[in-house]
């Protein structure tokens, strides 16, 4: 039997197809990686890590809507993985959906405060004028915990002073001061 141009004996396993996807990804064959990851997920769709890899392959191959769907499938299976929130944030930023990107970066930072990329992305979005999420998503199963987590994130990122900073007042040079 031949799969994706590779001769194999017997029926392929989900793990074997995932390995083929990894090999295709490592050589930059994004279409081949996506095909292999999809085939693996057709056999076992429970692996959130493979949904993330499929999202990466689709994003690199130019299928941003497919990548978003794959990342969301990963989040449905493992919502506690900070890196998946980060990756979806990156994709949303690429598609100029900056408010949504900020929500996912905020979740990534909340889940793993030691992971610096989410904090850097949030600060960059703030400098670009994007408001950080103030509300908890309606579908959040633990809203009270999340509200306090968002407050902790704001303090940790030191963004609260930036949110309330007044623009600098125009000051006339001393030699132009009114008499």
Foldseek 3Di string as FASTA:
>chain_A
DADPNRDDPDDDALVNLQVQLVVCVVVVNLVSNLVSLVVSCVRPVLDLVSLQSNLVSCVSVPNLVSSLVSLVSSCVNPVLALVSLQVNLVSCVVVVVNQSSLVSLLSSCLSPVPPCPSLVSNVVSVVVVHDHDQADDPPDPDRVVVNVSSVVSCVVSVCVCVVPPDDDDDDDPPVPDDD
